[in-house]
Amino acid sequence: MFSGDGTKSGGRGFPFEFTNSNPKRIRKMIRFLQNLGVKKDEIELRLQIRCTKEEFESGLIKKLESFWSRFLSIPLQQFEKPNVRISNKPRRSKFGTIRLRVNSNFLAKLFLELEKFMLAGLPQSPATGRARVPPKGRSEEG
């Protein structure tokens, strides 16, 4: 349903968050939020990336933030401090991952209710009590 990770509760107040590494999915989510009445200046973004020390020192973070800012037409002032993990063998997407946040009780509750609605009737995992989605093309019985 969301095509990404995120939260619908917790954090500062009761924010809605959406995280993805695909620029087109992030842009679609922003358009969707705008259709719900969210203004672009209400959206906070945060780059999350794993990179080598050499990539970090070469200015990779600034380049990626600039890419996202241009692609999404959102000024760099709306970006929070990036979450950078230095690693010898980073596994990362080409553009890093963006966490989009809107501090809105309404949005958080709306997406939480949508998730409940979408998962209603799905079999529950005995271990977690959460809905299990059968693998694509297979029923729960098969």
N, C-alpha and C. Protein backbone atom coordinates (compact mmCIF):
# COMPACT_ATOMS: atom_id res chain seq x y z
N MET A 1 0.81 -1.19 0.00
CA MET A 1 0.00 0.00 0.00
C MET A 1 0.86 1.26 0.00
N PHE A 2 1.88 1.32 0.84
CA PHE A 2 2.69 2.53 0.95
C PHE A 2 3.89 2.52 0.02
N SER A 3 4.33 1.37 -0.46
CA SER A 3 5.52 1.26 -1.29
C SER A 3 6.75 1.87 -0.63
N GLY A 4 6.82 1.79 0.66
CA GLY A 4 7.96 2.33 1.39
C GLY A 4 7.81 2.06 2.86
N ASP A 5 8.79 2.46 3.61
CA ASP A 5 8.76 2.31 5.05
C ASP A 5 8.36 3.63 5.66
N GLY A 6 7.97 3.58 6.93
CA GLY A 6 7.64 4.82 7.61
C GLY A 6 6.94 4.54 8.91
N THR A 7 6.47 5.60 9.53
CA THR A 7 5.73 5.47 10.78
C THR A 7 4.46 6.26 10.68
N LYS A 8 3.51 5.88 11.48
CA LYS A 8 2.27 6.62 11.57
C LYS A 8 2.06 7.15 12.97
N SER A 9 2.96 6.86 13.88
CA SER A 9 2.82 7.35 15.25
C SER A 9 4.20 7.45 15.88
N GLY A 10 4.27 8.13 17.02
CA GLY A 10 5.52 8.26 17.73
C GLY A 10 6.28 9.50 17.30
N GLY A 11 7.50 9.63 17.75
CA GLY A 11 8.31 10.77 17.38
C GLY A 11 7.81 12.06 17.98
N ARG A 12 8.06 13.16 17.31
CA ARG A 12 7.64 14.48 17.79
C ARG A 12 6.15 14.64 17.54
N GLY A 13 5.38 14.71 18.60
CA GLY A 13 3.94 14.83 18.42
C GLY A 13 3.39 13.53 17.87
N PHE A 14 2.88 13.60 16.67
CA PHE A 14 2.27 12.44 16.04
C PHE A 14 2.50 12.55 14.53
N PRO A 15 3.76 12.43 14.06
CA PRO A 15 4.04 12.71 12.65
C PRO A 15 3.70 11.55 11.73
N PHE A 16 3.55 11.90 10.47
CA PHE A 16 3.48 10.91 9.40
C PHE A 16 4.86 10.90 8.75
N GLU A 17 5.42 9.72 8.52
CA GLU A 17 6.72 9.60 7.87
C GLU A 17 6.63 8.59 6.74
N PHE A 18 7.37 8.85 5.69
CA PHE A 18 7.47 7.95 4.55
C PHE A 18 8.93 7.93 4.13
N THR A 19 9.50 6.75 3.96
CA THR A 19 10.91 6.61 3.62
C THR A 19 11.06 5.74 2.39
N ASN A 20 11.87 6.22 1.44
CA ASN A 20 12.10 5.43 0.24
C ASN A 20 13.36 5.94 -0.44
N SER A 21 13.96 5.09 -1.28
CA SER A 21 15.16 5.49 -2.02
C SER A 21 14.83 5.82 -3.47
N ASN A 22 13.60 5.60 -3.88
CA ASN A 22 13.19 5.84 -5.26
C ASN A 22 12.67 7.27 -5.38
N PRO A 23 13.38 8.13 -6.12
CA PRO A 23 12.96 9.53 -6.22
C PRO A 23 11.53 9.70 -6.74
N LYS A 24 11.11 8.86 -7.68
CA LYS A 24 9.75 8.99 -8.24
C LYS A 24 8.68 8.67 -7.19
N ARG A 25 8.95 7.70 -6.32
CA ARG A 25 7.98 7.38 -5.27
C ARG A 25 7.88 8.49 -4.24
N ILE A 26 9.02 9.09 -3.92
CA ILE A 26 8.99 10.22 -2.98
C ILE A 26 8.20 11.37 -3.58
N ARG A 27 8.45 11.66 -4.86
CA ARG A 27 7.73 12.76 -5.51
C ARG A 27 6.23 12.47 -5.59
N LYS A 28 5.86 11.20 -5.86
CA LYS A 28 4.44 10.83 -5.89
C LYS A 28 3.79 11.03 -4.52
N MET A 29 4.52 10.65 -3.46
CA MET A 29 3.97 10.82 -2.12
C MET A 29 3.77 12.31 -1.82
N ILE A 30 4.71 13.14 -2.22
CA ILE A 30 4.56 14.58 -2.00
C ILE A 30 3.33 15.11 -2.74
N ARG A 31 3.14 14.68 -3.98
CA ARG A 31 1.95 15.11 -4.74
C ARG A 31 0.67 14.63 -4.05
N PHE A 32 0.69 13.39 -3.56
CA PHE A 32 -0.47 12.85 -2.86
C PHE A 32 -0.77 13.69 -1.62
N LEU A 33 0.27 14.00 -0.84
CA LEU A 33 0.09 14.81 0.36
C LEU A 33 -0.43 16.20 0.01
N GLN A 34 0.06 16.77 -1.09
CA GLN A 34 -0.44 18.08 -1.53
C GLN A 34 -1.93 17.99 -1.88
N ASN A 35 -2.35 16.88 -2.48
CA ASN A 35 -3.78 16.69 -2.79
C ASN A 35 -4.62 16.61 -1.51
N LEU A 36 -3.98 16.22 -0.40
CA LEU A 36 -4.67 16.16 0.89
C LEU A 36 -4.61 17.50 1.62
N GLY A 37 -3.97 18.50 1.01
CA GLY A 37 -3.91 19.83 1.61
C GLY A 37 -2.61 20.18 2.30
N VAL A 38 -1.60 19.29 2.23
CA VAL A 38 -0.30 19.58 2.84
C VAL A 38 0.48 20.51 1.92
N LYS A 39 1.01 21.57 2.47
CA LYS A 39 1.84 22.50 1.69
C LYS A 39 3.27 21.99 1.68
N LYS A 40 3.98 22.28 0.60
CA LYS A 40 5.37 21.81 0.49
C LYS A 40 6.23 22.32 1.64
N ASP A 41 5.95 23.53 2.14
CA ASP A 41 6.79 24.06 3.21
C ASP A 41 6.52 23.40 4.56
N GLU A 42 5.53 22.50 4.62
CA GLU A 42 5.25 21.73 5.84
C GLU A 42 5.98 20.39 5.84
N ILE A 43 6.66 20.09 4.75
CA ILE A 43 7.35 18.81 4.60
C ILE A 43 8.81 18.96 5.00
N GLU A 44 9.26 18.07 5.90
CA GLU A 44 10.67 18.02 6.30
C GLU A 44 11.28 16.79 5.64
N LEU A 45 12.50 16.93 5.17
CA LEU A 45 13.19 15.82 4.52
C LEU A 45 14.51 15.54 5.24
N ARG A 46 14.91 14.30 5.18
CA ARG A 46 16.20 13.92 5.77
C ARG A 46 16.84 12.85 4.91
N LEU A 47 18.06 13.12 4.45
CA LEU A 47 18.83 12.15 3.69
C LEU A 47 19.43 11.14 4.66
N GLN A 48 19.31 9.86 4.32
CA GLN A 48 19.93 8.79 5.09
C GLN A 48 20.82 8.01 4.13
N ILE A 49 22.08 7.83 4.51
CA ILE A 49 23.00 7.17 3.58
C ILE A 49 24.12 6.45 4.31
N ARG A 50 24.57 5.38 3.69
CA ARG A 50 25.79 4.68 4.11
C ARG A 50 26.81 4.94 3.02
N CYS A 51 27.99 5.36 3.41
CA CYS A 51 29.03 5.64 2.42
C CYS A 51 30.40 5.39 3.03
N THR A 52 31.39 5.36 2.18
CA THR A 52 32.76 5.21 2.67
C THR A 52 33.26 6.56 3.17
N LYS A 53 34.33 6.52 3.92
CA LYS A 53 34.94 7.76 4.42
C LYS A 53 35.36 8.65 3.25
N GLU A 54 35.89 8.01 2.21
CA GLU A 54 36.33 8.76 1.03
C GLU A 54 35.15 9.46 0.35
N GLU A 55 34.02 8.75 0.22
CA GLU A 55 32.83 9.36 -0.39
C GLU A 55 32.35 10.54 0.45
N PHE A 56 32.35 10.35 1.77
CA PHE A 56 31.93 11.41 2.67
C PHE A 56 32.81 12.65 2.51
N GLU A 57 34.11 12.42 2.49
CA GLU A 57 35.07 13.53 2.39
C GLU A 57 35.05 14.20 1.02
N SER A 58 34.55 13.49 0.00
CA SER A 58 34.51 14.06 -1.35
C SER A 58 33.28 14.95 -1.57
N GLY A 59 32.42 15.06 -0.57
CA GLY A 59 31.25 15.93 -0.70
C GLY A 59 30.00 15.23 -1.21
N LEU A 60 29.98 13.90 -1.13
CA LEU A 60 28.84 13.13 -1.62
C LEU A 60 27.52 13.58 -0.98
N ILE A 61 27.53 13.86 0.30
CA ILE A 61 26.30 14.20 1.01
C ILE A 61 25.68 15.47 0.43
N LYS A 62 26.48 16.50 0.25
CA LYS A 62 25.97 17.76 -0.32
C LYS A 62 25.43 17.55 -1.74
N LYS A 63 26.13 16.72 -2.52
CA LYS A 63 25.68 16.44 -3.89
C LYS A 63 24.32 15.74 -3.89
N LEU A 64 24.15 14.76 -2.99
CA LEU A 64 22.89 14.04 -2.93
C LEU A 64 21.75 14.93 -2.42
N GLU A 65 22.02 15.74 -1.40
CA GLU A 65 20.99 16.67 -0.92
C GLU A 65 20.59 17.64 -2.03
N SER A 66 21.56 18.12 -2.79
CA SER A 66 21.26 19.02 -3.90
C SER A 66 20.42 18.33 -4.96
N PHE A 67 20.75 17.06 -5.25
CA PHE A 67 19.94 16.30 -6.20
C PHE A 67 18.49 16.23 -5.75
N TRP A 68 18.28 15.79 -4.50
CA TRP A 68 16.91 15.64 -3.98
C TRP A 68 16.18 16.98 -3.96
N SER A 69 16.86 18.02 -3.56
CA SER A 69 16.26 19.35 -3.50
C SER A 69 15.77 19.78 -4.89
N ARG A 70 16.62 19.61 -5.89
CA ARG A 70 16.24 19.97 -7.26
C ARG A 70 15.11 19.07 -7.78
N PHE A 71 15.25 17.77 -7.59
CA PHE A 71 14.28 16.80 -8.13
C PHE A 71 12.90 17.02 -7.53
N LEU A 72 12.85 17.33 -6.23
CA LEU A 72 11.57 17.49 -5.54
C LEU A 72 11.10 18.94 -5.49
N SER A 73 11.93 19.86 -5.95
CA SER A 73 11.62 21.30 -5.89
C SER A 73 11.32 21.74 -4.46
N ILE A 74 12.17 21.30 -3.55
CA ILE A 74 12.06 21.67 -2.14
C ILE A 74 13.40 22.25 -1.72
N PRO A 75 13.40 23.45 -1.11
CA PRO A 75 14.67 24.09 -0.75
C PRO A 75 15.45 23.30 0.31
N LEU A 76 16.77 23.42 0.24
CA LEU A 76 17.64 22.73 1.19
C LEU A 76 17.35 23.11 2.63
N GLN A 77 16.77 24.28 2.88
CA GLN A 77 16.44 24.71 4.24
C GLN A 77 15.42 23.77 4.90
N GLN A 78 14.68 23.01 4.11
CA GLN A 78 13.71 22.07 4.67
C GLN A 78 14.30 20.70 4.95
N PHE A 79 15.60 20.55 4.70
CA PHE A 79 16.28 19.28 4.98
C PHE A 79 16.86 19.33 6.38
N GLU A 80 16.62 18.27 7.14
CA GLU A 80 17.24 18.13 8.45
C GLU A 80 18.67 17.63 8.27
N LYS A 81 19.42 17.62 9.35
CA LYS A 81 20.79 17.10 9.31
C LYS A 81 20.76 15.66 8.79
N PRO A 82 21.60 15.33 7.80
CA PRO A 82 21.56 13.98 7.24
C PRO A 82 22.02 12.92 8.23
N ASN A 83 21.48 11.72 8.06
CA ASN A 83 21.88 10.57 8.85
C ASN A 83 22.91 9.82 8.01
N VAL A 84 24.19 9.90 8.40
CA VAL A 84 25.28 9.31 7.62
C VAL A 84 25.95 8.22 8.43
N ARG A 85 26.09 7.07 7.82
CA ARG A 85 26.82 5.96 8.45
C ARG A 85 28.03 5.65 7.56
N ILE A 86 29.19 5.75 8.17
CA ILE A 86 30.43 5.46 7.45
C ILE A 86 30.70 3.96 7.54
N SER A 87 31.01 3.37 6.40
CA SER A 87 31.23 1.92 6.35
C SER A 87 32.30 1.63 5.30
N ASN A 88 33.08 0.58 5.53
CA ASN A 88 34.07 0.16 4.54
C ASN A 88 33.43 -0.44 3.30
N LYS A 89 32.29 -1.11 3.49
CA LYS A 89 31.57 -1.74 2.39
C LYS A 89 30.11 -1.30 2.42
N PRO A 90 29.85 -0.06 2.03
CA PRO A 90 28.47 0.41 2.11
C PRO A 90 27.60 -0.25 1.04
N ARG A 91 26.40 -0.58 1.43
CA ARG A 91 25.39 -1.05 0.48
C ARG A 91 24.35 0.06 0.45
N ARG A 92 24.30 0.77 -0.64
CA ARG A 92 23.39 1.90 -0.69
C ARG A 92 22.78 2.03 -2.06
N SER A 93 21.67 2.73 -2.10
CA SER A 93 21.06 3.04 -3.37
C SER A 93 21.82 4.20 -3.99
N LYS A 94 21.58 4.42 -5.25
CA LYS A 94 22.30 5.45 -5.99
C LYS A 94 22.14 6.84 -5.37
N PHE A 95 20.94 7.15 -4.85
CA PHE A 95 20.65 8.49 -4.35
C PHE A 95 20.50 8.55 -2.83
N GLY A 96 20.80 7.46 -2.14
CA GLY A 96 20.54 7.40 -0.71
C GLY A 96 19.05 7.21 -0.48
N THR A 97 18.64 7.36 0.74
CA THR A 97 17.23 7.20 1.10
C THR A 97 16.75 8.53 1.68
N ILE A 98 15.52 8.87 1.37
CA ILE A 98 14.93 10.10 1.91
C ILE A 98 13.80 9.74 2.85
N ARG A 99 13.84 10.37 4.03
CA ARG A 99 12.72 10.27 4.97
C ARG A 99 11.94 11.57 4.86
N LEU A 100 10.68 11.44 4.53
CA LEU A 100 9.78 12.57 4.40
C LEU A 100 8.93 12.60 5.66
N ARG A 101 8.79 13.76 6.28
CA ARG A 101 8.01 13.86 7.52
C ARG A 101 7.07 15.05 7.45
N VAL A 102 5.84 14.80 7.92
CA VAL A 102 4.86 15.87 8.08
C VAL A 102 4.31 15.73 9.49
N ASN A 103 4.44 16.77 10.29
CA ASN A 103 3.93 16.74 11.66
C ASN A 103 2.43 17.04 11.63
N SER A 104 1.65 15.96 11.56
CA SER A 104 0.20 16.11 11.45
C SER A 104 -0.49 14.92 12.11
N ASN A 105 -1.22 15.20 13.17
CA ASN A 105 -2.01 14.15 13.81
C ASN A 105 -3.02 13.57 12.83
N PHE A 106 -3.65 14.44 12.04
CA PHE A 106 -4.66 13.99 11.09
C PHE A 106 -4.08 12.98 10.10
N LEU A 107 -2.95 13.33 9.47
CA LEU A 107 -2.34 12.42 8.49
C LEU A 107 -1.91 11.10 9.11
N ALA A 108 -1.30 11.19 10.28
CA ALA A 108 -0.84 9.97 10.94
C ALA A 108 -2.02 9.04 11.22
N LYS A 109 -3.09 9.61 11.75
CA LYS A 109 -4.28 8.79 12.04
C LYS A 109 -4.93 8.27 10.77
N LEU A 110 -4.98 9.10 9.73
CA LEU A 110 -5.57 8.68 8.46
C LEU A 110 -4.83 7.46 7.90
N PHE A 111 -3.49 7.53 7.84
CA PHE A 111 -2.73 6.42 7.29
C PHE A 111 -2.79 5.18 8.20
N LEU A 112 -2.86 5.38 9.49
CA LEU A 112 -3.00 4.26 10.41
C LEU A 112 -4.32 3.54 10.18
N GLU A 113 -5.41 4.31 10.00
CA GLU A 113 -6.72 3.71 9.73
C GLU A 113 -6.74 3.04 8.36
N LEU A 114 -6.10 3.64 7.36
CA LEU A 114 -6.02 3.01 6.05
C LEU A 114 -5.28 1.67 6.12
N GLU A 115 -4.20 1.65 6.88
CA GLU A 115 -3.44 0.41 7.04
C GLU A 115 -4.29 -0.67 7.71
N LYS A 116 -5.02 -0.30 8.76
CA LYS A 116 -5.90 -1.26 9.44
C LYS A 116 -6.95 -1.80 8.47
N PHE A 117 -7.52 -0.90 7.68
CA PHE A 117 -8.55 -1.29 6.71
C PHE A 117 -7.97 -2.26 5.68
N MET A 118 -6.79 -1.96 5.16
CA MET A 118 -6.18 -2.80 4.14
C MET A 118 -5.78 -4.17 4.68
N LEU A 119 -5.41 -4.23 5.96
CA LEU A 119 -4.96 -5.50 6.55
C LEU A 119 -6.08 -6.30 7.20
N ALA A 120 -7.26 -5.71 7.31
CA ALA A 120 -8.39 -6.41 7.94
C ALA A 120 -8.70 -7.69 7.17
N GLY A 121 -8.88 -8.76 7.90
CA GLY A 121 -9.23 -10.03 7.28
C GLY A 121 -8.05 -10.86 6.85
N LEU A 122 -6.84 -10.30 6.87
CA LEU A 122 -5.66 -11.10 6.53
C LEU A 122 -5.30 -11.99 7.72
N PRO A 123 -4.75 -13.17 7.46
CA PRO A 123 -4.35 -14.05 8.57
C PRO A 123 -3.31 -13.38 9.45
N GLN A 124 -3.39 -13.65 10.74
CA GLN A 124 -2.48 -13.06 11.73
C GLN A 124 -1.32 -14.01 12.02
N SER A 125 -0.14 -13.47 12.21
CA SER A 125 1.02 -14.24 12.60
C SER A 125 0.88 -14.61 14.07
N PRO A 126 1.00 -15.89 14.43
CA PRO A 126 0.91 -16.26 15.84
C PRO A 126 2.01 -15.63 16.69
N ALA A 127 3.17 -15.41 16.09
CA ALA A 127 4.31 -14.87 16.85
C ALA A 127 4.15 -13.39 17.16
N THR A 128 3.67 -12.62 16.18
CA THR A 128 3.62 -11.16 16.36
C THR A 128 2.22 -10.60 16.51
N GLY A 129 1.22 -11.36 16.06
CA GLY A 129 -0.14 -10.84 16.10
C GLY A 129 -0.43 -9.87 14.95
N ARG A 130 0.53 -9.70 14.06
CA ARG A 130 0.37 -8.79 12.92
C ARG A 130 -0.09 -9.57 11.70
N ALA A 131 -0.71 -8.86 10.77
CA ALA A 131 -1.20 -9.50 9.56
C ALA A 131 -0.05 -10.04 8.72
N ARG A 132 -0.27 -11.22 8.15
CA ARG A 132 0.70 -11.82 7.24
C ARG A 132 0.14 -11.70 5.83
N VAL A 133 0.94 -11.26 4.92
CA VAL A 133 0.53 -11.18 3.53
C VAL A 133 1.14 -12.37 2.81
N PRO A 134 0.29 -13.24 2.20
CA PRO A 134 0.83 -14.40 1.50
C PRO A 134 1.73 -13.97 0.36
N PRO A 135 2.75 -14.79 -0.01
CA PRO A 135 3.61 -14.47 -1.15
C PRO A 135 2.78 -14.27 -2.41
N LYS A 136 3.26 -13.43 -3.31
CA LYS A 136 2.54 -13.12 -4.53
C LYS A 136 2.26 -14.39 -5.31
N GLY A 137 1.00 -14.53 -5.74
CA GLY A 137 0.62 -15.68 -6.55
C GLY A 137 0.28 -16.92 -5.74
N ARG A 138 0.34 -16.84 -4.40
CA ARG A 138 0.03 -18.01 -3.57
C ARG A 138 -1.02 -17.63 -2.55
N SER A 139 -1.93 -18.52 -2.33
CA SER A 139 -2.92 -18.29 -1.28
C SER A 139 -2.33 -18.75 0.05
N GLU A 140 -2.97 -18.37 1.14
CA GLU A 140 -2.50 -18.76 2.47
C GLU A 140 -2.56 -20.27 2.64
N GLU A 141 -3.54 -20.93 1.96
CA GLU A 141 -3.67 -22.39 2.10
C GLU A 141 -2.59 -23.13 1.34
N GLY A 142 -2.06 -22.54 0.22
CA GLY A 142 -1.13 -23.25 -0.67
C GLY A 142 0.24 -23.21 -0.19
